């Protein structure tokens, strides 16, 4: 289940609640569909980064991650130190 899924509703003028087309579906169905969409968007994002280069794709993943192990692994794999522009700080 995607952790970023919220209700598909928004407030309009007059503060009336508007409902989306999928609000009445069971949560598990909506969550599964949105999880599939999130997976596809992630794949598309990774592939777009790979179109640039493997290094660029790895950098984007490490940069977006706040996980110290991911950042440390990236720095070590590409032999980066704090003097390099792409070095990622590890907390």
C-alpha atoms as a PDB file:
ATOM      1  CA  UNK A   1       0.000   0.000   0.000  1.00  0.00           C
ATOM      2  CA  UNK A   2       1.344   3.424  -0.932  1.00  0.00           C
ATOM      3  CA  UNK A   3       1.860   5.552   2.160  1.00  0.00           C
ATOM      4  CA  UNK A   4       1.183   8.804   0.315  1.00  0.00           C
ATOM      5  CA  UNK A   5      -2.404   8.043  -0.617  1.00  0.00           C
ATOM      6  CA  UNK A   6      -4.931  10.452   0.768  1.00  0.00           C
ATOM      7  CA  UNK A   7      -8.607  10.988   0.171  1.00  0.00           C
ATOM      8  CA  UNK A   8      -9.582  12.060  -3.316  1.00  0.00           C
ATOM      9  CA  UNK A   9     -11.555  15.097  -2.256  1.00  0.00           C
ATOM     10  CA  UNK A  10     -11.012  18.853  -2.111  1.00  0.00           C
ATOM     11  CA  UNK A  11     -12.752  21.973  -0.856  1.00  0.00           C
ATOM     12  CA  UNK A  12     -14.503  24.262  -3.319  1.00  0.00           C
ATOM     13  CA  UNK A  13     -16.087  27.689  -3.061  1.00  0.00           C
ATOM     14  CA  UNK A  14     -18.581  27.722  -0.232  1.00  0.00           C
ATOM     15  CA  UNK A  15     -16.532  25.061   1.556  1.00  0.00           C
ATOM     16  CA  UNK A  16     -18.650  22.221   0.166  1.00  0.00           C
ATOM     17  CA  UNK A  17     -16.867  18.899   0.072  1.00  0.00           C
ATOM     18  CA  UNK A  18     -16.492  17.518  -3.450  1.00  0.00           C
ATOM     19  CA  UNK A  19     -15.948  13.808  -3.940  1.00  0.00           C
ATOM     20  CA  UNK A  20     -13.824  12.114  -6.552  1.00  0.00           C
ATOM     21  CA  UNK A  21     -14.975   9.363  -8.870  1.00  0.00           C
ATOM     22  CA  UNK A  22     -13.208   6.704  -6.827  1.00  0.00           C
ATOM     23  CA  UNK A  23     -14.152   7.714  -3.273  1.00  0.00           C
ATOM     24  CA  UNK A  24     -16.802   5.009  -3.005  1.00  0.00           C
ATOM     25  CA  UNK A  25     -14.480   2.167  -3.937  1.00  0.00           C
ATOM     26  CA  UNK A  26     -13.241   0.001  -1.075  1.00  0.00           C
ATOM     27  CA  UNK A  27      -9.992   1.285   0.413  1.00  0.00           C
ATOM     28  CA  UNK A  28      -8.078  -1.887  -0.493  1.00  0.00           C
ATOM     29  CA  UNK A  29      -9.057  -1.531  -4.172  1.00  0.00           C
ATOM     30  CA  UNK A  30      -8.129   2.163  -4.304  1.00  0.00           C
ATOM     31  CA  UNK A  31      -4.872   1.516  -2.435  1.00  0.00           C
ATOM     32  CA  UNK A  32      -3.907  -1.311  -4.815  1.00  0.00           C
ATOM     33  CA  UNK A  33      -4.584   0.818  -7.898  1.00  0.00           C
ATOM     34  CA  UNK A  34      -2.667   3.795  -6.527  1.00  0.00           C
ATOM     35  CA  UNK A  35       0.187   1.542  -5.472  1.00  0.00           C
ATOM     36  CA  UNK A  36       0.405   0.193  -9.039  1.00  0.00           C
ATOM     37  CA  UNK A  37       0.417   3.759 -10.368  1.00  0.00           C
ATOM     38  CA  UNK A  38       3.120   4.782  -7.877  1.00  0.00           C
ATOM     39  CA  UNK A  39       5.242   1.792  -8.945  1.00  0.00           C
ATOM     40  CA  UNK A  40       4.853   2.733 -12.608  1.00  0.00           C
ATOM     41  CA  UNK A  41       5.730   6.379 -11.913  1.00  0.00           C
ATOM     42  CA  UNK A  42       8.846   5.261 -10.022  1.00  0.00           C
ATOM     43  CA  UNK A  43       9.858   2.991 -12.911  1.00  0.00           C
ATOM     44  CA  UNK A  44       9.329   5.854 -15.367  1.00  0.00           C
ATOM     45  CA  UNK A  45      11.388   8.196 -13.171  1.00  0.00           C
ATOM     46  CA  UNK A  46      14.243   5.705 -12.854  1.00  0.00           C
ATOM     47  CA  UNK A  47      14.243   4.992 -16.596  1.00  0.00           C
ATOM     48  CA  UNK A  48      14.261   8.717 -17.401  1.00  0.00           C
ATOM     49  CA  UNK A  49      17.274   9.115 -15.118  1.00  0.00           C
ATOM     50  CA  UNK A  50      18.964   6.108 -16.735  1.00  0.00           C
ATOM     51  CA  UNK A  51      18.540   7.816 -20.098  1.00  0.00           C
ATOM     52  CA  UNK A  52      21.034  10.377 -18.784  1.00  0.00           C
ATOM     53  CA  UNK A  53      23.499   7.822 -17.356  1.00  0.00           C
ATOM     54  CA  UNK A  54      23.859   5.190 -14.653  1.00  0.00           C
ATOM     55  CA  UNK A  55      25.762   7.696 -12.537  1.00  0.00           C
ATOM     56  CA  UNK A  56      22.966  10.271 -12.859  1.00  0.00           C
ATOM     57  CA  UNK A  57      20.333   7.670 -11.935  1.00  0.00           C
ATOM     58  CA  UNK A  58      22.351   6.524  -8.911  1.00  0.00           C
ATOM     59  CA  UNK A  59      22.920  10.113  -7.834  1.00  0.00           C
ATOM     60  CA  UNK A  60      19.203  10.936  -8.038  1.00  0.00           C
ATOM     61  CA  UNK A  61      18.297   7.899  -5.933  1.00  0.00           C
ATOM     62  CA  UNK A  62      20.955   8.663  -3.332  1.00  0.00           C
ATOM     63  CA  UNK A  63      20.113  12.379  -3.347  1.00  0.00           C
ATOM     64  CA  UNK A  64      16.393  11.736  -2.830  1.00  0.00           C
ATOM     65  CA  UNK A  65      17.104   9.248  -0.068  1.00  0.00           C
ATOM     66  CA  UNK A  66      17.816  10.392   3.446  1.00  0.00           C
ATOM     67  CA  UNK A  67      19.074   6.929   4.300  1.00  0.00           C
ATOM     68  CA  UNK A  68      22.702   7.141   5.446  1.00  0.00           C
ATOM     69  CA  UNK A  69      23.521   3.666   4.071  1.00  0.00           C
ATOM     70  CA  UNK A  70      22.306   4.585   0.561  1.00  0.00           C
ATOM     71  CA  UNK A  71      24.297   7.829   0.561  1.00  0.00           C
ATOM     72  CA  UNK A  72      27.409   6.154   1.999  1.00  0.00           C
ATOM     73  CA  UNK A  73      27.198   3.365  -0.579  1.00  0.00           C
ATOM     74  CA  UNK A  74      26.867   5.902  -3.407  1.00  0.00           C
ATOM     75  CA  UNK A  75      29.853   7.933  -2.178  1.00  0.00           C
ATOM     76  CA  UNK A  76      32.011   4.828  -1.777  1.00  0.00           C
ATOM     77  CA  UNK A  77      31.023   3.229  -5.092  1.00  0.00           C
ATOM     78  CA  UNK A  78      31.938   6.384  -7.037  1.00  0.00           C
ATOM     79  CA  UNK A  79      34.905   7.132  -4.753  1.00  0.00           C
ATOM     80  CA  UNK A  80      33.548  10.537  -3.789  1.00  0.00           C
ATOM     81  CA  UNK A  81      34.856  12.551  -0.868  1.00  0.00           C
ATOM     82  CA  UNK A  82      33.705  15.881   0.591  1.00  0.00           C
ATOM     83  CA  UNK A  83      35.817  17.747  -1.976  1.00  0.00           C
ATOM     84  CA  UNK A  84      33.629  16.459  -4.859  1.00  0.00           C
ATOM     85  CA  UNK A  85      30.584  18.462  -5.930  1.00  0.00           C
ATOM     86  CA  UNK A  86      28.347  15.358  -5.963  1.00  0.00           C
ATOM     87  CA  UNK A  87      29.438  14.069  -2.566  1.00  0.00           C
ATOM     88  CA  UNK A  88      26.386  13.479  -0.377  1.00  0.00           C
ATOM     89  CA  UNK A  89      26.619  14.248   3.307  1.00  0.00           C
ATOM     90  CA  UNK A  90      25.998  11.269   5.560  1.00  0.00           C
ATOM     91  CA  UNK A  91      24.522  11.962   8.961  1.00  0.00           C
END
